[in-house]
Amino acid sequence: MENLSIARMRKGWEDEHLAKYILSKFCFVSEPSTPGDDVGSDIICTFFKREKQIKSNTKGEEEVYLYPEISFAIQIKNKNDYIYNKGITIKKNNSSYLNHIEIPYLVGLIDQNKSTLDIHLGESIPHFFSYFGDNITQNFGIVIKPKIPSKNKNAQKNNQFFKQCLKNIHLNFPFFDSFEAKYNYELDNDEKVSKLKIACKAIQENISSKKNNEFFFFAINYENKKGVMDNDLDNGRKLWIYTGSGSAQTYENNLFKRLTEALLNVAWKCRNKDVLYLYKIPEFDIKEFYTLKNVYKNIINFYKSPPEYLTTSFKNVNDYFIAIYGENLEIDP
């Protein structure tokens, strides 16, 4: 029985070493220094960007420099039918790790026979905790369910981030792509790596939104051939908004902050109206300020004690426009 346990541990080490080798082709990799430090992630990866620069004190000789970019955590498992059928059970004392981790969390499945690493995306995590609340793991267990790879992206990504069962909640981790040990992704600047980087940035954006108590997330667009994420809402990005006990405690302050941001930006646009075209920003229109001013008046009437940063910002912006347009600004068109 003891030899069987050692054999399983060795198998796990082999899987992790192969995964590190593949990931190191396009990432800086690090791992827990001791088994006791392994609380949920086998490897922490940081994408790097390769740039050529001329070496100092040389006659035009170039050298390649590596610059760190976005990071992600990844849990490595052996690729087998058991993983797809049973999933990966997260121990109760480790469940909060998924809620508190502030970088994208992925699962990698190793096939030693083919020397490949299948990557599955944990984009469901911020959706899960926003929908059920941060304390959901006190009553339910978590099972990560890597989805079986399919040529039809729609078949394996159907907007179902999780599934509630009797004792557990299944978190769906959609298949992203397979990476091979024999391929040199580092030198070839592979499109697959670029798309994985974009996907991680999308997940990071959603994680940051939740950490800032802003419960609206963008879904990754798997059908966009130009990339898995697109910044244009009209070009395929779906917006998910979660209401409830979490959002209800923070949406008022978010409203105040966004209105303050809008007011200050309208003043900025006025000051820089001659160069807005350089940034592809719409032309300044004073009617935009009138619109925001009416919103501000309604907020003041309803919320009797708005934050000082909002009232002070409005006064400064309003005084700025009065100085330009005169006292007639006080009369709405």
Protein backbone atom coordinates (compact mmCIF):
# COMPACT_ATOMS: atom_id res chain seq x y z
CA MET A 1 0.00 0.00 0.00
CA GLU A 2 2.90 2.32 0.84
CA ASN A 3 4.64 1.53 -2.46
CA LEU A 4 1.40 2.29 -4.32
CA SER A 5 1.24 5.71 -2.62
CA ILE A 6 4.85 6.43 -3.58
CA ALA A 7 4.13 5.39 -7.16
CA ARG A 8 1.21 7.81 -7.33
CA MET A 9 3.31 10.61 -5.89
CA ARG A 10 6.03 9.93 -8.46
CA LYS A 11 3.45 9.99 -11.23
CA GLY A 12 2.25 13.36 -9.99
CA TRP A 13 5.81 14.72 -9.90
CA GLU A 14 6.38 13.53 -13.46
CA ASP A 15 3.20 15.30 -14.59
CA GLU A 16 4.25 18.54 -12.90
CA HIS A 17 7.78 18.42 -14.36
CA LEU A 18 6.41 17.92 -17.88
CA ALA A 19 3.92 20.75 -17.35
CA LYS A 20 6.70 23.07 -16.14
CA TYR A 21 8.78 22.22 -19.19
CA ILE A 22 5.93 23.07 -21.59
CA LEU A 23 4.87 26.22 -19.74
CA SER A 24 8.47 27.46 -19.51
CA LYS A 25 8.48 27.86 -23.30
CA PHE A 26 6.35 30.99 -22.97
CA CYS A 27 6.24 31.77 -19.23
CA PHE A 28 8.41 32.30 -16.21
CA VAL A 29 7.45 29.46 -13.85
CA SER A 30 7.69 29.04 -10.10
CA GLU A 31 6.33 26.50 -7.65
CA PRO A 32 5.85 26.04 -3.89
CA SER A 33 9.21 25.41 -2.24
CA THR A 34 7.79 22.67 0.00
CA PRO A 35 4.69 20.42 -0.12
CA GLY A 36 3.34 22.38 2.85
CA ASP A 37 3.30 25.53 0.75
CA ASP A 38 1.09 23.89 -1.88
CA VAL A 39 -2.35 25.18 -0.91
CA GLY A 40 -4.09 24.97 -4.27
CA SER A 41 -1.75 25.88 -7.12
CA ASP A 42 1.05 23.65 -8.36
CA ILE A 43 2.69 26.30 -10.53
CA ILE A 44 2.57 30.10 -10.79
CA CYS A 45 3.27 31.33 -14.31
CA THR A 46 4.05 34.77 -15.69
CA PHE A 47 3.85 35.44 -19.41
CA PHE A 48 6.89 37.16 -20.82
CA LYS A 49 7.24 39.45 -23.79
CA ARG A 50 10.29 39.17 -26.01
CA GLU A 51 11.82 42.37 -27.37
CA LYS A 52 15.01 42.95 -29.30
CA GLN A 53 17.13 45.90 -28.26
CA ILE A 54 20.55 47.15 -29.32
CA LYS A 55 23.16 46.32 -26.70
CA SER A 56 24.92 49.27 -25.14
CA ASN A 57 28.53 49.90 -26.14
CA THR A 58 28.16 47.77 -29.29
CA LYS A 59 28.01 48.51 -33.01
CA GLY A 60 24.34 47.77 -33.50
CA GLU A 61 24.47 44.30 -31.96
CA GLU A 62 20.99 43.15 -30.84
CA GLU A 63 20.03 41.25 -27.74
CA VAL A 64 16.70 39.69 -26.72
CA TYR A 65 15.15 40.96 -23.48
CA LEU A 66 12.27 39.33 -21.59
CA TYR A 67 9.65 41.50 -19.89
CA PRO A 68 7.06 40.06 -17.45
CA GLU A 69 3.36 40.47 -18.17
CA ILE A 70 0.20 38.94 -16.67
CA SER A 71 0.43 35.96 -14.28
CA PHE A 72 -1.80 32.95 -13.66
CA ALA A 73 -1.95 29.98 -11.29
CA ILE A 74 -2.41 26.45 -12.58
CA GLN A 75 -3.26 23.12 -10.98
CA ILE A 76 -1.75 20.11 -12.76
CA LYS A 77 -3.53 16.75 -13.01
CA ASN A 78 -3.13 13.64 -15.13
CA LYS A 79 -5.44 13.51 -18.12
CA ASN A 80 -7.76 10.53 -17.75
CA ASP A 81 -11.43 9.58 -17.90
CA TYR A 82 -11.74 9.86 -14.10
CA ILE A 83 -10.95 13.59 -14.21
CA TYR A 84 -13.64 14.24 -16.82
CA ASN A 85 -16.26 12.09 -15.05
CA LYS A 86 -15.58 12.81 -11.37
CA GLY A 87 -13.83 16.17 -11.60
CA ILE A 88 -11.37 17.64 -9.10
CA THR A 89 -12.74 17.87 -5.57
CA ILE A 90 -11.59 20.94 -3.67
CA LYS A 91 -11.18 20.29 0.04
CA LYS A 92 -13.39 22.46 2.22
CA ASN A 93 -10.45 24.15 3.94
CA ASN A 94 -9.04 25.07 0.50
CA SER A 95 -12.30 26.34 -1.01
CA SER A 96 -11.76 29.92 0.12
CA TYR A 97 -8.46 29.87 -1.78
CA LEU A 98 -10.39 30.06 -5.05
CA ASN A 99 -12.33 33.07 -3.79
CA HIS A 100 -9.32 35.00 -2.56
CA ILE A 101 -6.81 34.29 -5.32
CA GLU A 102 -6.31 37.48 -7.33
CA ILE A 103 -4.89 36.04 -10.55
CA PRO A 104 -6.53 33.71 -13.10
CA TYR A 105 -6.76 30.09 -11.96
CA LEU A 106 -6.41 27.35 -14.58
CA VAL A 107 -6.29 23.57 -14.67
CA GLY A 108 -3.74 21.72 -16.80
CA LEU A 109 -4.19 18.08 -17.77
CA ILE A 110 -1.01 16.20 -18.72
CA ASP A 111 -0.90 13.36 -21.24
CA GLN A 112 2.53 11.76 -20.77
CA ASN A 113 2.15 9.44 -23.78
CA LYS A 114 1.60 12.39 -26.14
CA SER A 115 3.68 14.88 -24.10
CA THR A 116 0.84 17.43 -24.18
CA LEU A 117 -0.74 19.85 -21.72
CA ASP A 118 -4.47 20.60 -22.08
CA ILE A 119 -5.37 23.93 -20.48
CA HIS A 120 -8.82 24.59 -19.03
CA LEU A 121 -9.90 28.09 -18.02
CA GLY A 122 -11.28 28.97 -14.58
CA GLU A 123 -13.37 31.88 -15.78
CA SER A 124 -16.34 30.60 -13.74
CA ILE A 125 -14.77 31.44 -10.34
CA PRO A 126 -15.78 35.14 -9.96
CA HIS A 127 -19.23 34.30 -11.42
CA PHE A 128 -19.67 31.50 -8.87
CA PHE A 129 -18.86 33.54 -5.75
CA SER A 130 -20.79 36.58 -7.01
CA TYR A 131 -23.92 34.48 -7.59
CA PHE A 132 -23.84 32.39 -4.37
CA GLY A 133 -21.92 34.71 -2.04
CA ASP A 134 -18.52 34.37 -0.40
CA ASN A 135 -19.77 32.02 2.33
CA ILE A 136 -21.24 29.39 0.00
CA THR A 137 -18.36 26.98 0.69
CA GLN A 138 -19.54 26.62 4.30
CA ASN A 139 -22.54 24.62 3.06
CA PHE A 140 -21.42 23.16 -0.26
CA GLY A 141 -18.31 21.49 -1.58
CA ILE A 142 -16.67 22.53 -4.83
CA VAL A 143 -15.87 20.17 -7.69
CA ILE A 144 -13.93 21.52 -10.67
CA LYS A 145 -15.20 19.94 -13.89
CA PRO A 146 -12.80 20.23 -16.85
CA LYS A 147 -14.93 20.03 -19.99
CA ILE A 148 -14.03 17.41 -22.60
CA PRO A 149 -12.32 19.03 -25.63
CA SER A 150 -14.61 19.50 -28.59
CA LYS A 151 -14.08 20.90 -32.07
CA ASN A 152 -17.36 22.76 -31.61
CA LYS A 153 -16.57 25.62 -29.21
CA ASN A 154 -20.29 26.27 -28.66
CA ALA A 155 -20.77 22.69 -27.48
CA GLN A 156 -18.29 23.03 -24.63
CA LYS A 157 -19.01 26.67 -23.75
CA ASN A 158 -22.74 27.18 -23.31
CA ASN A 159 -22.71 30.04 -20.78
CA GLN A 160 -23.22 27.59 -17.90
CA PHE A 161 -20.49 28.50 -15.44
CA PHE A 162 -21.62 26.19 -12.64
CA LYS A 163 -24.15 23.51 -11.75
CA GLN A 164 -25.65 23.06 -8.30
CA CYS A 165 -25.96 19.45 -7.14
CA LEU A 166 -27.16 17.90 -3.87
CA LYS A 167 -23.96 18.34 -1.83
CA ASN A 168 -21.57 19.97 -4.27
CA ILE A 169 -21.45 22.72 -6.84
CA HIS A 170 -19.67 21.93 -10.08
CA LEU A 171 -17.52 24.68 -11.56
CA ASN A 172 -17.15 24.25 -15.30
CA PHE A 173 -13.62 24.82 -16.64
CA PRO A 174 -13.92 24.98 -20.46
CA PHE A 175 -11.14 23.53 -22.59
CA PHE A 176 -8.92 26.22 -24.12
CA ASP A 177 -6.25 24.43 -26.15
CA SER A 178 -3.53 21.80 -26.09
CA PHE A 179 0.19 22.65 -25.88
CA GLU A 180 2.91 20.23 -27.04
CA ALA A 181 6.31 19.64 -25.47
CA LYS A 182 8.02 19.32 -28.88
CA TYR A 183 6.84 22.72 -30.15
CA ASN A 184 8.92 25.84 -29.49
CA TYR A 185 6.25 28.41 -28.64
CA GLU A 186 8.87 30.82 -27.32
CA LEU A 187 10.66 31.32 -30.64
CA ASP A 188 7.66 31.14 -32.94
CA ASN A 189 5.56 33.74 -31.07
CA ASP A 190 2.64 31.37 -31.43
CA GLU A 191 -0.91 32.69 -31.91
CA LYS A 192 -2.13 30.10 -29.42
CA VAL A 193 -0.02 31.69 -26.68
CA SER A 194 -1.27 35.16 -27.62
CA LYS A 195 -4.88 34.02 -27.31
CA LEU A 196 -4.21 32.37 -23.93
CA LYS A 197 -2.71 35.64 -22.74
CA ILE A 198 -5.82 37.53 -23.91
CA ALA A 199 -8.07 35.00 -22.14
CA CYS A 200 -6.13 35.41 -18.89
CA LYS A 201 -6.42 39.19 -19.18
CA ALA A 202 -10.20 38.82 -19.56
CA ILE A 203 -10.40 36.62 -16.46
CA GLN A 204 -8.15 39.04 -14.58
CA GLU A 205 -10.48 41.89 -15.51
CA ASN A 206 -13.43 40.02 -14.00
CA ILE A 207 -11.48 39.12 -10.84
CA SER A 208 -10.51 42.76 -10.39
CA SER A 209 -14.14 43.83 -10.83
CA LYS A 210 -15.26 41.50 -8.05
CA LYS A 211 -12.43 42.62 -5.74
CA ASN A 212 -13.61 46.20 -6.33
CA ASN A 213 -17.20 45.20 -5.48
CA GLU A 214 -18.34 45.80 -9.06
CA PHE A 215 -20.36 42.76 -10.00
CA PHE A 216 -20.38 42.93 -13.78
CA PHE A 217 -18.22 40.59 -15.83
CA PHE A 218 -17.40 40.14 -19.47
CA ALA A 219 -17.64 36.64 -20.91
CA ILE A 220 -14.81 35.38 -23.08
CA ASN A 221 -15.80 35.29 -26.74
CA TYR A 222 -14.71 31.90 -28.07
CA GLU A 223 -16.14 32.52 -31.53
CA ASN A 224 -14.09 35.65 -32.26
CA LYS A 225 -11.41 34.54 -34.72
CA LYS A 226 -9.32 37.62 -33.98
CA GLY A 227 -8.96 36.64 -30.33
CA VAL A 228 -10.90 35.15 -27.47
CA MET A 229 -11.62 38.55 -25.98
CA ASP A 230 -12.71 41.74 -27.68
CA ASN A 231 -13.03 45.17 -26.09
CA ASP A 232 -16.01 46.14 -28.23
CA LEU A 233 -19.35 45.12 -26.70
CA ASP A 234 -20.95 45.20 -30.15
CA ASN A 235 -18.38 42.72 -31.42
CA GLY A 236 -19.43 39.73 -29.37
CA ARG A 237 -18.57 40.36 -25.70
CA LYS A 238 -21.43 39.46 -23.39
CA LEU A 239 -21.91 41.34 -20.14
CA TRP A 240 -22.99 39.47 -17.02
CA ILE A 241 -24.37 41.47 -14.08
CA TYR A 242 -24.99 39.93 -10.65
CA THR A 243 -27.41 41.49 -8.19
CA GLY A 244 -28.09 40.42 -4.63
CA SER A 245 -26.79 40.85 -1.11
CA GLY A 246 -23.25 41.68 -2.27
CA SER A 247 -24.05 44.10 -5.06
CA ALA A 248 -26.88 45.74 -3.09
CA GLN A 249 -24.36 46.92 -0.49
CA THR A 250 -22.03 48.59 -2.99
CA TYR A 251 -23.97 49.81 -6.05
CA GLU A 252 -24.75 53.25 -4.54
CA ASN A 253 -21.09 54.05 -3.97
CA ASN A 254 -20.26 52.70 -7.44
CA LEU A 255 -22.87 55.10 -8.87
CA PHE A 256 -21.26 58.04 -7.06
CA LYS A 257 -17.79 57.09 -8.27
CA ARG A 258 -18.87 56.63 -11.89
CA LEU A 259 -20.74 59.94 -11.96
CA THR A 260 -17.69 61.69 -10.50
CA GLU A 261 -15.51 60.06 -13.13
CA ALA A 262 -17.89 61.16 -15.92
CA LEU A 263 -18.04 64.77 -14.71
CA LEU A 264 -14.25 65.09 -14.53
CA ASN A 265 -13.83 63.50 -17.95
CA VAL A 266 -16.28 65.90 -19.59
CA ALA A 267 -14.19 68.80 -18.26
CA TRP A 268 -11.04 67.08 -19.53
CA LYS A 269 -12.61 66.65 -22.97
CA CYS A 270 -13.40 70.36 -23.07
CA ARG A 271 -9.84 71.30 -22.17
CA ASN A 272 -8.42 68.93 -24.77
CA LYS A 273 -11.09 69.15 -27.48
CA ASP A 274 -8.53 70.00 -30.20
CA VAL A 275 -6.67 66.69 -29.79
CA LEU A 276 -9.50 64.26 -29.00
CA TYR A 277 -9.29 62.80 -32.51
CA LEU A 278 -5.79 61.53 -31.70
CA TYR A 279 -7.29 59.24 -29.05
CA LYS A 280 -10.39 58.37 -31.15
CA ILE A 281 -12.57 60.04 -28.50
CA PRO A 282 -15.91 61.59 -29.57
CA GLU A 283 -16.01 65.36 -29.91
CA PHE A 284 -16.82 67.48 -26.88
CA ASP A 285 -20.46 68.55 -26.58
CA ILE A 286 -21.66 70.80 -23.74
CA LYS A 287 -24.97 68.93 -23.82
CA GLU A 288 -23.18 65.99 -22.24
CA PHE A 289 -22.46 68.14 -19.20
CA TYR A 290 -26.11 69.24 -19.03
CA THR A 291 -27.16 65.59 -19.05
CA LEU A 292 -24.76 64.69 -16.24
CA LYS A 293 -25.81 67.79 -14.33
CA ASN A 294 -29.43 66.67 -14.38
CA VAL A 295 -28.37 63.22 -13.14
CA TYR A 296 -26.42 64.90 -10.34
CA LYS A 297 -29.44 67.01 -9.31
CA ASN A 298 -31.65 63.92 -9.13
CA ILE A 299 -29.07 62.09 -7.05
CA ILE A 300 -28.76 65.02 -4.65
CA ASN A 301 -32.54 65.11 -4.26
CA PHE A 302 -32.80 61.39 -3.53
CA TYR A 303 -29.57 60.59 -1.67
CA LYS A 304 -29.49 63.24 1.02
CA SER A 305 -25.83 62.71 1.98
CA PRO A 306 -23.77 62.00 -1.16
CA PRO A 307 -20.00 61.66 -0.64
CA GLU A 308 -17.88 64.79 -0.53
CA TYR A 309 -15.75 63.74 -3.49
CA LEU A 310 -18.87 63.86 -5.69
CA THR A 311 -20.17 67.24 -4.49
CA THR A 312 -16.72 68.83 -4.61
CA SER A 313 -16.01 67.47 -8.08
CA PHE A 314 -19.34 68.70 -9.39
CA LYS A 315 -18.75 72.19 -7.96
CA ASN A 316 -15.30 72.39 -9.54
CA VAL A 317 -16.53 71.19 -12.94
CA ASN A 318 -19.61 73.43 -12.83
CA ASP A 319 -17.46 76.49 -11.93
CA TYR A 320 -15.08 75.60 -14.77
CA PHE A 321 -17.87 75.63 -17.37
CA ILE A 322 -19.41 78.82 -15.93
CA ALA A 323 -16.03 80.52 -16.36
CA ILE A 324 -16.08 79.52 -20.05
CA TYR A 325 -19.75 79.87 -21.00
CA GLY A 326 -20.83 82.49 -18.48
CA GLU A 327 -23.70 82.55 -16.02
CA ASN A 328 -26.08 81.39 -18.76
CA LEU A 329 -24.78 77.91 -18.08
CA GLU A 330 -27.04 77.86 -15.05
CA ILE A 331 -30.03 77.82 -17.43
CA ASP A 332 -30.37 74.35 -18.90
CA PRO A 333 -31.16 74.34 -22.64
